[in-house]
Amino acid sequence: MQINETRCEILAKYMIKNNATVRQAAEKFGISKSTVHKDVAERLKDVNKGLHSEIKELLDKNRKERHLRGGAATKYKYILLRKEKSKSEKTISTKTSSRSKQRKK
């Protein structure tokens, strides 16, 4: 990394190298998503036009895939909820069956 490299260039290079989203870059660098987006979408244009055109393609690709990632996250969430529910039902049925065995004695 060069000393005169700006934050927007650093962010853009990271995002391109890692095929990262704005959210992932924000988490990695400890800054807000708004700051990352403004840096790579607006400020970078004035600093490095070539890098800006590359990052614009990545942002467009991420925008097009956003609904897919959201759907996958929602699906995963409900899979986890179903697993938790089935675990709690098994625990309840186990407790119930052990109580009935104790009463029979």
Foldseek 3Di string as FASTA:
>chain_A
DDPPDDPLNVLLVVCLVVLDDLVVSCVVVVHDSVVNCCSQQPVVCVVPVVSNVVSVVSHVVCVVCVVVVVVVVVVVVVVVVVVVVVVVVVVVVVVVVVVVVVVVD
